Amino acid sequence: MRLSPGRAVAVAAGLLVAMAGPAIAVDIAPHRALYDMSLSSSKQNSGVVAASGSMAFEWGETCDGWTVEQRYKLTMHYAEEPDVELTSNFVTWESKDGLRYRFYQRKLKNGDIDDEVRGEARLDGKGKGGTVDFTKPNNETMTLAPGVIFPTAHTILLIERAAAGDQFVGAKVFDGATEENAVDVSAVIGSPQTAEAGAAEAKVKSPLLARPSWRMRLAFFPADTKADQPDYELGMRLLDNGVSRDMVLDYGDFAIKATLDSIEALPKPNC
């Protein structure tokens, strides 16, 4: 399973970006959030009858970059098979100029290591290609095509384009959660919601949530293919400060929802 708000939450300019109107200044709010995870829907042939867990998401800021740490523990319950416990820790650092990116992902399945990926990516300039050096699992070097962006740049781009009134944004995004190359991400953006409406609707009360927001649906297509169907889709309510109020990760046969349980602001650096 590939969970990411920071991917998701996830999780600048991609090859397919719609560039209508001027860019809007985005003021990201460093924060720490906790989400409850549960089963949103399930088709009968999936065998999934329930899911339970939690996800902690932390978006920090340094003078020259952004740090993101996403941890989750999720138990999948099946009708005719034993339960499966999935645990993940995904940590990244991304420079504010969008040209450097470090990542580490460690996933466990029933307490045993299922996957581990670590590396560093660099772009040769804005809109230019670059390289990825994986130190885990095999010291492989991979080439990034021109136009690829990293996750924080992608989230900021979504907010910029949503604020400018765009309804579709496409980009090629590399996040390092697997050994795959950059994936195509297509985002459909709904109508804006006012800060007052969002604050009234939120179950958790915080000044961080009293912000304009948009409902978005992101489709993640596999790298280097012409697949008609995405690997998975992510629906979320994204605020203009980078906070995601809720998420639904749809894998086709079943979907997992993440509902905000608590949130706190983190300090901004004195630079």
C-alpha atoms as a PDB file:
ATOM      1  CA  MET A   1       0.000   0.000   0.000  1.00  0.00           C
ATOM      2  CA  ARG A   2       1.220   3.464  -0.865  1.00  0.00           C
ATOM      3  CA  LEU A   3      -0.123   5.967   1.616  1.00  0.00           C
ATOM      4  CA  SER A   4       0.711   9.553   1.289  1.00  0.00           C
ATOM      5  CA  PRO A   5      -0.834  12.763   2.144  1.00  0.00           C
ATOM      6  CA  GLY A   6       2.515  14.029   1.998  1.00  0.00           C
ATOM      7  CA  ARG A   7       3.061  12.224  -1.074  1.00  0.00           C
ATOM      8  CA  ALA A   8       0.428  13.332   0.758  1.00  0.00           C
ATOM      9  CA  VAL A   9       0.041  15.082   1.892  1.00  0.00           C
ATOM     10  CA  ALA A  10       1.512  14.796  -0.238  1.00  0.00           C
ATOM     11  CA  VAL A  11       2.133  14.560  -0.479  1.00  0.00           C
ATOM     12  CA  ALA A  12       6.307  23.718  -8.933  1.00  0.00           C
ATOM     13  CA  ALA A  13       5.792  22.948 -12.574  1.00  0.00           C
ATOM     14  CA  GLY A  14       5.349  19.539 -14.203  1.00  0.00           C
ATOM     15  CA  LEU A  15       5.166  18.633 -17.872  1.00  0.00           C
ATOM     16  CA  LEU A  16       1.368  18.678 -17.922  1.00  0.00           C
ATOM     17  CA  VAL A  17       0.674  21.645 -15.631  1.00  0.00           C
ATOM     18  CA  ALA A  18      -2.133  24.008 -16.609  1.00  0.00           C
ATOM     19  CA  MET A  19      -0.688  27.492 -16.161  1.00  0.00           C
ATOM     20  CA  ALA A  20      -3.751  29.770 -16.313  1.00  0.00           C
ATOM     21  CA  GLY A  21      -3.245  33.012 -14.413  1.00  0.00           C
ATOM     22  CA  PRO A  22      -0.371  34.246 -12.221  1.00  0.00           C
ATOM     23  CA  ALA A  23       1.126  32.183  -9.394  1.00  0.00           C
ATOM     24  CA  ILE A  24      -0.252  32.870  -5.913  1.00  0.00           C
ATOM     25  CA  ALA A  25       2.059  33.216  -2.905  1.00  0.00           C
ATOM     26  CA  VAL A  26       1.615  30.194  -0.623  1.00  0.00           C
ATOM     27  CA  ASP A  27       2.259  30.437   3.127  1.00  0.00           C
ATOM     28  CA  ILE A  28       2.771  26.886   4.389  1.00  0.00           C
ATOM     29  CA  ALA A  29       2.008  26.300   8.068  1.00  0.00           C
ATOM     30  CA  PRO A  30       4.421  23.816   9.675  1.00  0.00           C
ATOM     31  CA  HIS A  31       2.292  21.406  11.679  1.00  0.00           C
ATOM     32  CA  ARG A  32       1.922  18.014  13.325  1.00  0.00           C
ATOM     33  CA  ALA A  33      -1.342  16.122  12.728  1.00  0.00           C
ATOM     34  CA  LEU A  34      -2.784  12.799  13.833  1.00  0.00           C
ATOM     35  CA  TYR A  35      -5.377  10.932  11.748  1.00  0.00           C
ATOM     36  CA  ASP A  36      -7.652   7.993  12.539  1.00  0.00           C
ATOM     37  CA  MET A  37      -7.688   5.404   9.737  1.00  0.00           C
ATOM     38  CA  SER A  38     -10.583   3.117   8.879  1.00  0.00           C
ATOM     39  CA  LEU A  39     -12.242   1.347   5.979  1.00  0.00           C
ATOM     40  CA  SER A  40     -14.206   3.711   3.751  1.00  0.00           C
ATOM     41  CA  SER A  41     -15.561   1.181   1.250  1.00  0.00           C
ATOM     42  CA  SER A  42     -14.881  -2.333   0.025  1.00  0.00           C
ATOM     43  CA  LYS A  43     -15.974  -4.475  -2.896  1.00  0.00           C
ATOM     44  CA  GLN A  44     -17.056  -8.016  -2.098  1.00  0.00           C
ATOM     45  CA  ASN A  45     -14.260  -9.604  -4.120  1.00  0.00           C
ATOM     46  CA  SER A  46     -11.574  -7.715  -2.173  1.00  0.00           C
ATOM     47  CA  GLY A  47     -12.030  -9.851   0.937  1.00  0.00           C
ATOM     48  CA  VAL A  48     -11.480  -6.766   3.112  1.00  0.00           C
ATOM     49  CA  VAL A  49     -14.115  -6.427   5.833  1.00  0.00           C
ATOM     50  CA  ALA A  50     -12.553  -3.760   8.072  1.00  0.00           C
ATOM     51  CA  ALA A  51      -9.449  -1.653   8.678  1.00  0.00           C
ATOM     52  CA  SER A  52      -8.208   0.230  11.720  1.00  0.00           C
ATOM     53  CA  GLY A  53      -5.166   2.291  12.548  1.00  0.00           C
ATOM     54  CA  SER A  54      -3.632   5.737  12.855  1.00  0.00           C
ATOM     55  CA  MET A  55      -1.299   8.003  10.938  1.00  0.00           C
ATOM     56  CA  ALA A  56       0.973  10.749  12.255  1.00  0.00           C
ATOM     57  CA  PHE A  57       2.030  13.435   9.773  1.00  0.00           C
ATOM     58  CA  GLU A  58       4.589  16.157  10.505  1.00  0.00           C
ATOM     59  CA  TRP A  59       5.515  18.938   8.086  1.00  0.00           C
ATOM     60  CA  GLY A  60       8.422  21.009   9.357  1.00  0.00           C
ATOM     61  CA  GLU A  61      10.360  23.947   7.969  1.00  0.00           C
ATOM     62  CA  THR A  62      14.067  24.793   8.031  1.00  0.00           C
ATOM     63  CA  CYS A  63      15.752  27.861   6.593  1.00  0.00           C
ATOM     64  CA  ASP A  64      16.583  26.120   3.335  1.00  0.00           C
ATOM     65  CA  GLY A  65      14.035  23.316   3.090  1.00  0.00           C
ATOM     66  CA  TRP A  66      10.993  21.341   4.182  1.00  0.00           C
ATOM     67  CA  THR A  67      10.954  18.190   6.275  1.00  0.00           C
ATOM     68  CA  VAL A  68       8.102  15.676   6.171  1.00  0.00           C
ATOM     69  CA  GLU A  69       7.663  12.613   8.363  1.00  0.00           C
ATOM     70  CA  GLN A  70       4.726  10.285   7.897  1.00  0.00           C
ATOM     71  CA  ARG A  71       4.180   7.264  10.139  1.00  0.00           C
ATOM     72  CA  TYR A  72       1.241   4.915  10.062  1.00  0.00           C
ATOM     73  CA  LYS A  73       0.135   1.607  11.529  1.00  0.00           C
ATOM     74  CA  LEU A  74      -2.826  -0.031   9.839  1.00  0.00           C
ATOM     75  CA  THR A  75      -4.445  -3.412  10.474  1.00  0.00           C
ATOM     76  CA  MET A  76      -6.353  -4.935   7.562  1.00  0.00           C
ATOM     77  CA  HIS A  77      -9.111  -7.376   8.486  1.00  0.00           C
ATOM     78  CA  TYR A  78     -10.129 -10.046   5.950  1.00  0.00           C
ATOM     79  CA  ALA A  79     -13.160 -12.317   5.766  1.00  0.00           C
ATOM     80  CA  GLU A  80     -11.293 -15.545   5.074  1.00  0.00           C
ATOM     81  CA  GLU A  81      -7.651 -14.732   5.801  1.00  0.00           C
ATOM     82  CA  PRO A  82      -5.640 -13.703   8.892  1.00  0.00           C
ATOM     83  CA  ASP A  83      -5.370 -10.018   9.729  1.00  0.00           C
ATOM     84  CA  VAL A  84      -2.375  -8.154   8.299  1.00  0.00           C
ATOM     85  CA  GLU A  85      -0.601  -5.361  10.202  1.00  0.00           C
ATOM     86  CA  LEU A  86       1.122  -2.786   7.996  1.00  0.00           C
ATOM     87  CA  THR A  87       3.582  -0.264   9.451  1.00  0.00           C
ATOM     88  CA  SER A  88       5.435   2.472   7.589  1.00  0.00           C
ATOM     89  CA  ASN A  89       7.853   5.308   8.348  1.00  0.00           C
ATOM     90  CA  PHE A  90       8.501   7.753   5.499  1.00  0.00           C
ATOM     91  CA  VAL A  91      10.923  10.684   6.090  1.00  0.00           C
ATOM     92  CA  THR A  92      11.958  13.310   3.529  1.00  0.00           C
ATOM     93  CA  TRP A  93      13.813  16.606   3.194  1.00  0.00           C
ATOM     94  CA  GLU A  94      13.259  18.886   0.195  1.00  0.00           C
ATOM     95  CA  SER A  95      15.100  22.110  -0.589  1.00  0.00           C
ATOM     96  CA  LYS A  96      12.975  25.223  -1.001  1.00  0.00           C
ATOM     97  CA  ASP A  97      14.331  25.784  -4.501  1.00  0.00           C
ATOM     98  CA  GLY A  98      12.884  22.388  -5.461  1.00  0.00           C
ATOM     99  CA  LEU A  99      16.192  21.010  -6.751  1.00  0.00           C
ATOM    100  CA  ARG A 100      17.322  18.616  -3.961  1.00  0.00           C
ATOM    101  CA  TYR A 101      15.452  15.840  -2.207  1.00  0.00           C
ATOM    102  CA  ARG A 102      16.384  13.172   0.348  1.00  0.00           C
ATOM    103  CA  PHE A 103      14.110  10.296   1.296  1.00  0.00           C
ATOM    104  CA  TYR A 104      13.845   7.205   3.472  1.00  0.00           C
ATOM    105  CA  GLN A 105      10.986   4.690   3.547  1.00  0.00           C
ATOM    106  CA  ARG A 106      10.760   1.613   5.797  1.00  0.00           C
ATOM    107  CA  LYS A 107       7.738  -0.679   5.658  1.00  0.00           C
ATOM    108  CA  LEU A 108       6.890  -3.624   7.894  1.00  0.00           C
ATOM    109  CA  LYS A 109       4.345  -6.373   7.355  1.00  0.00           C
ATOM    110  CA  ASN A 110       3.306  -8.256  10.508  1.00  0.00           C
ATOM    111  CA  GLY A 111       6.461  -6.966  12.193  1.00  0.00           C
ATOM    112  CA  ASP A 112       8.894  -8.077   9.464  1.00  0.00           C
ATOM    113  CA  ILE A 113      10.655  -5.715   7.060  1.00  0.00           C
ATOM    114  CA  ASP A 114       8.740  -5.717   3.783  1.00  0.00           C
ATOM    115  CA  ASP A 115      10.576  -2.931   1.962  1.00  0.00           C
ATOM    116  CA  GLU A 116      13.263  -0.328   2.632  1.00  0.00           C
ATOM    117  CA  VAL A 117      14.290   2.498   0.311  1.00  0.00           C
ATOM    118  CA  ARG A 118      16.784   5.320   0.881  1.00  0.00           C
ATOM    119  CA  GLY A 119      18.377   7.838  -1.457  1.00  0.00           C
ATOM    120  CA  GLU A 120      18.899  11.355  -2.723  1.00  0.00           C
ATOM    121  CA  ALA A 121      17.671  13.101  -5.863  1.00  0.00           C
ATOM    122  CA  ARG A 122      18.957  16.204  -7.614  1.00  0.00           C
ATOM    123  CA  LEU A 123      17.636  18.266 -10.500  1.00  0.00           C
ATOM    124  CA  ASP A 124      19.969  20.215 -12.775  1.00  0.00           C
ATOM    125  CA  GLY A 125      17.718  23.288 -12.665  1.00  0.00           C
ATOM    126  CA  LYS A 126      14.107  24.432 -12.863  1.00  0.00           C
ATOM    127  CA  GLY A 127      12.321  22.327 -15.447  1.00  0.00           C
ATOM    128  CA  LYS A 128      15.462  20.295 -16.131  1.00  0.00           C
ATOM    129  CA  GLY A 129      16.155  16.604 -15.608  1.00  0.00           C
ATOM    130  CA  GLY A 130      18.296  15.061 -12.912  1.00  0.00           C
ATOM    131  CA  THR A 131      19.385  11.884 -11.175  1.00  0.00           C
ATOM    132  CA  VAL A 132      18.421   9.735  -8.203  1.00  0.00           C
ATOM    133  CA  ASP A 133      21.028   7.818  -6.199  1.00  0.00           C
ATOM    134  CA  PHE A 134      19.495   4.943  -4.219  1.00  0.00           C
ATOM    135  CA  THR A 135      21.680   3.794  -1.318  1.00  0.00           C
ATOM    136  CA  LYS A 136      19.037   1.173  -0.444  1.00  0.00           C
ATOM    137  CA  PRO A 137      18.464  -1.439  -1.571  1.00  0.00           C
ATOM    138  CA  ASN A 138      21.053  -1.655  -4.359  1.00  0.00           C
ATOM    139  CA  ASN A 139      23.034   1.603  -4.892  1.00  0.00           C
ATOM    140  CA  GLU A 140      21.275   2.116  -8.218  1.00  0.00           C
ATOM    141  CA  THR A 141      21.354   5.437 -10.097  1.00  0.00           C
ATOM    142  CA  MET A 142      18.249   6.494 -12.021  1.00  0.00           C
ATOM    143  CA  THR A 143      17.642   9.357 -14.452  1.00  0.00           C
ATOM    144  CA  LEU A 144      14.814  11.845 -13.970  1.00  0.00           C
ATOM    145  CA  ALA A 145      13.249  13.389 -17.072  1.00  0.00           C
ATOM    146  CA  PRO A 146      12.931  17.167 -17.518  1.00  0.00           C
ATOM    147  CA  GLY A 147       9.903  18.609 -15.735  1.00  0.00           C
ATOM    148  CA  VAL A 148       9.865  16.214 -12.782  1.00  0.00           C
ATOM    149  CA  ILE A 149       9.103  17.788  -9.387  1.00  0.00           C
ATOM    150  CA  PHE A 150       9.241  16.595  -5.770  1.00  0.00           C
ATOM    151  CA  PRO A 151       6.300  16.162  -3.336  1.00  0.00           C
ATOM    152  CA  THR A 152       6.381  19.439  -1.387  1.00  0.00           C
ATOM    153  CA  ALA A 153       6.765  21.419  -4.603  1.00  0.00           C
ATOM    154  CA  HIS A 154       3.781  19.487  -5.953  1.00  0.00           C
ATOM    155  CA  THR A 155       1.603  20.310  -2.939  1.00  0.00           C
ATOM    156  CA  ILE A 156       2.504  24.001  -3.193  1.00  0.00           C
ATOM    157  CA  LEU A 157       1.727  23.887  -6.905  1.00  0.00           C
ATOM    158  CA  LEU A 158      -1.717  22.434  -6.225  1.00  0.00           C
ATOM    159  CA  ILE A 159      -2.479  25.272  -3.805  1.00  0.00           C
ATOM    160  CA  GLU A 160      -1.172  27.905  -6.234  1.00  0.00           C
ATOM    161  CA  ARG A 161      -3.254  26.605  -9.114  1.00  0.00           C
ATOM    162  CA  ALA A 162      -6.359  26.081  -6.969  1.00  0.00           C
ATOM    163  CA  ALA A 163      -6.123  29.683  -5.715  1.00  0.00           C
ATOM    164  CA  ALA A 164      -5.766  30.834  -9.325  1.00  0.00           C
ATOM    165  CA  GLY A 165      -9.010  29.058 -10.222  1.00  0.00           C
ATOM    166  CA  ASP A 166      -7.617  26.088 -12.154  1.00  0.00           C
ATOM    167  CA  GLN A 167      -9.683  22.906 -12.127  1.00  0.00           C
ATOM    168  CA  PHE A 168      -7.019  20.510 -13.450  1.00  0.00           C
ATOM    169  CA  VAL A 169      -3.305  20.193 -12.703  1.00  0.00           C
ATOM    170  CA  GLY A 170      -1.062  17.458 -14.085  1.00  0.00           C
ATOM    171  CA  ALA A 171       2.544  16.818 -13.076  1.00  0.00           C
ATOM    172  CA  LYS A 172       5.293  14.217 -12.989  1.00  0.00           C
ATOM    173  CA  VAL A 173       6.245  13.668  -9.339  1.00  0.00           C
ATOM    174  CA  PHE A 174       9.094  11.694  -7.777  1.00  0.00           C
ATOM    175  CA  ASP A 175       8.747  10.901  -4.057  1.00  0.00           C
ATOM    176  CA  GLY A 176      11.174   8.013  -3.434  1.00  0.00           C
ATOM    177  CA  ALA A 177       8.660   5.816  -1.607  1.00  0.00           C
ATOM    178  CA  THR A 178       9.529   3.013  -4.025  1.00  0.00           C
ATOM    179  CA  GLU A 179      12.239   2.376  -6.612  1.00  0.00           C
ATOM    180  CA  GLU A 180       9.886   3.522  -9.359  1.00  0.00           C
ATOM    181  CA  ASN A 181      10.591   6.564 -11.470  1.00  0.00           C
ATOM    182  CA  ALA A 182       8.404   9.675 -11.346  1.00  0.00           C
ATOM    183  CA  VAL A 183       4.693   8.988 -11.628  1.00  0.00           C
ATOM    184  CA  ASP A 184       2.058  10.978 -13.504  1.00  0.00           C
ATOM    185  CA  VAL A 185      -0.316  12.683 -11.083  1.00  0.00           C
ATOM    186  CA  SER A 186      -3.560  14.169 -12.408  1.00  0.00           C
ATOM    187  CA  ALA A 187      -5.468  16.387  -9.998  1.00  0.00           C
ATOM    188  CA  VAL A 188      -9.061  17.565 -10.349  1.00  0.00           C
ATOM    189  CA  ILE A 189      -9.852  20.559  -8.117  1.00  0.00           C
ATOM    190  CA  GLY A 190     -13.319  21.419  -6.858  1.00  0.00           C
ATOM    191  CA  SER A 191     -14.863  24.732  -5.934  1.00  0.00           C
ATOM    192  CA  PRO A 192     -13.233  26.721  -3.116  1.00  0.00           C
ATOM    193  CA  GLN A 193     -14.633  26.630   0.411  1.00  0.00           C
ATOM    194  CA  THR A 194     -14.351  29.708   2.616  1.00  0.00           C
ATOM    195  CA  ALA A 195     -12.389  29.755   5.866  1.00  0.00           C
ATOM    196  CA  GLU A 196     -15.594  30.317   7.850  1.00  0.00           C
ATOM    197  CA  ALA A 197     -17.364  27.350   6.281  1.00  0.00           C
ATOM    198  CA  GLY A 198     -14.344  25.115   6.759  1.00  0.00           C
ATOM    199  CA  ALA A 199     -13.965  26.065  10.420  1.00  0.00           C
ATOM    200  CA  ALA A 200     -17.652  25.422  11.098  1.00  0.00           C
ATOM    201  CA  GLU A 201     -17.505  22.009   9.412  1.00  0.00           C
ATOM    202  CA  ALA A 202     -14.320  20.793  11.128  1.00  0.00           C
ATOM    203  CA  LYS A 203     -14.734  18.489  14.132  1.00  0.00           C
ATOM    204  CA  VAL A 204     -11.272  19.465  15.371  1.00  0.00           C
ATOM    205  CA  LYS A 205     -11.021  23.134  16.286  1.00  0.00           C
ATOM    206  CA  SER A 206      -7.777  24.963  15.515  1.00  0.00           C
ATOM    207  CA  PRO A 207      -6.752  28.276  13.916  1.00  0.00           C
ATOM    208  CA  LEU A 208      -4.825  26.129  11.423  1.00  0.00           C
ATOM    209  CA  LEU A 209      -8.159  24.872  10.045  1.00  0.00           C
ATOM    210  CA  ALA A 210      -9.829  28.287   9.662  1.00  0.00           C
ATOM    211  CA  ARG A 211      -8.463  28.655   6.154  1.00  0.00           C
ATOM    212  CA  PRO A 212      -9.836  28.513   2.590  1.00  0.00           C
ATOM    213  CA  SER A 213      -9.755  25.010   1.124  1.00  0.00           C
ATOM    214  CA  TRP A 214     -10.548  22.873  -1.900  1.00  0.00           C
ATOM    215  CA  ARG A 215     -11.748  19.336  -2.380  1.00  0.00           C
ATOM    216  CA  MET A 216      -9.252  17.558  -4.677  1.00  0.00           C
ATOM    217  CA  ARG A 217      -9.045  14.168  -6.366  1.00  0.00           C
ATOM    218  CA  LEU A 218      -5.569  12.988  -7.405  1.00  0.00           C
ATOM    219  CA  ALA A 219      -4.976   9.988  -9.677  1.00  0.00           C
ATOM    220  CA  PHE A 220      -1.508   8.354  -9.560  1.00  0.00           C
ATOM    221  CA  PHE A 221      -0.516   6.599 -12.786  1.00  0.00           C
ATOM    222  CA  PRO A 222       2.491   4.223 -12.931  1.00  0.00           C
ATOM    223  CA  ALA A 223       5.783   5.459 -14.334  1.00  0.00           C
ATOM    224  CA  ASP A 224       6.831   4.817 -17.938  1.00  0.00           C
ATOM    225  CA  THR A 225       3.554   3.232 -19.054  1.00  0.00           C
ATOM    226  CA  LYS A 226       0.437   4.276 -20.928  1.00  0.00           C
ATOM    227  CA  ALA A 227      -1.952   2.759 -18.393  1.00  0.00           C
ATOM    228  CA  ASP A 228      -5.587   3.818 -18.719  1.00  0.00           C
ATOM    229  CA  GLN A 229      -6.275   3.282 -15.011  1.00  0.00           C
ATOM    230  CA  PRO A 230      -4.328   4.763 -12.072  1.00  0.00           C
ATOM    231  CA  ASP A 231      -2.568   2.649  -9.456  1.00  0.00           C
ATOM    232  CA  TYR A 232      -4.631   4.443  -6.828  1.00  0.00           C
ATOM    233  CA  GLU A 233      -6.465   7.706  -6.202  1.00  0.00           C
ATOM    234  CA  LEU A 234      -6.324  10.178  -3.333  1.00  0.00           C
ATOM    235  CA  GLY A 235      -9.233  12.400  -2.379  1.00  0.00           C
ATOM    236  CA  MET A 236      -8.650  15.149   0.183  1.00  0.00           C
ATOM    237  CA  ARG A 237      -9.700  18.516   1.524  1.00  0.00           C
ATOM    238  CA  LEU A 238      -6.537  20.626   1.152  1.00  0.00           C
ATOM    239  CA  LEU A 239      -6.257  23.986   2.910  1.00  0.00           C
ATOM    240  CA  ASP A 240      -4.292  26.912   1.511  1.00  0.00           C
ATOM    241  CA  ASN A 241      -1.672  26.519   4.283  1.00  0.00           C
ATOM    242  CA  GLY A 242      -0.833  22.916   3.331  1.00  0.00           C
ATOM    243  CA  VAL A 243      -2.957  21.176   5.965  1.00  0.00           C
ATOM    244  CA  SER A 244      -5.018  18.218   4.782  1.00  0.00           C
ATOM    245  CA  ARG A 245      -8.219  17.983   6.805  1.00  0.00           C
ATOM    246  CA  ASP A 246      -9.200  14.503   5.616  1.00  0.00           C
ATOM    247  CA  MET A 247      -8.164  11.920   3.035  1.00  0.00           C
ATOM    248  CA  VAL A 248      -9.530   8.877   1.225  1.00  0.00           C
ATOM    249  CA  LEU A 249      -7.056   6.518  -0.485  1.00  0.00           C
ATOM    250  CA  ASP A 250      -8.901   4.508  -3.125  1.00  0.00           C
ATOM    251  CA  TYR A 251      -7.209   1.327  -4.401  1.00  0.00           C
ATOM    252  CA  GLY A 252     -10.126   0.238  -6.566  1.00  0.00           C
ATOM    253  CA  ASP A 253     -11.270  -2.838  -4.640  1.00  0.00           C
ATOM    254  CA  PHE A 254     -11.252  -0.984  -1.326  1.00  0.00           C
ATOM    255  CA  ALA A 255     -10.648   2.489   0.077  1.00  0.00           C
ATOM    256  CA  ILE A 256      -9.100   3.724   3.333  1.00  0.00           C
ATOM    257  CA  LYS A 257     -10.140   7.000   4.931  1.00  0.00           C
ATOM    258  CA  ALA A 258      -8.025   9.135   7.252  1.00  0.00           C
ATOM    259  CA  THR A 259      -9.900  11.561   9.504  1.00  0.00           C
ATOM    260  CA  LEU A 260      -8.136  14.339  11.389  1.00  0.00           C
ATOM    261  CA  ASP A 261      -8.043  13.640  15.136  1.00  0.00           C
ATOM    262  CA  SER A 262      -5.714  16.392  16.376  1.00  0.00           C
ATOM    263  CA  ILE A 263      -3.386  19.064  15.022  1.00  0.00           C
ATOM    264  CA  GLU A 264      -0.810  21.503  16.428  1.00  0.00           C
ATOM    265  CA  ALA A 265       1.359  24.213  14.917  1.00  0.00           C
ATOM    266  CA  LEU A 266       5.120  23.806  14.690  1.00  0.00           C
ATOM    267  CA  PRO A 267       7.518  26.768  14.932  1.00  0.00           C
ATOM    268  CA  LYS A 268       8.865  28.516  11.870  1.00  0.00           C
ATOM    269  CA  PRO A 269      12.658  28.963  11.711  1.00  0.00           C
ATOM    270  CA  ASN A 270      14.404  32.278  12.439  1.00  0.00           C
ATOM    271  CA  CYS A 271      16.486  32.719   9.304  1.00  0.00           C
END
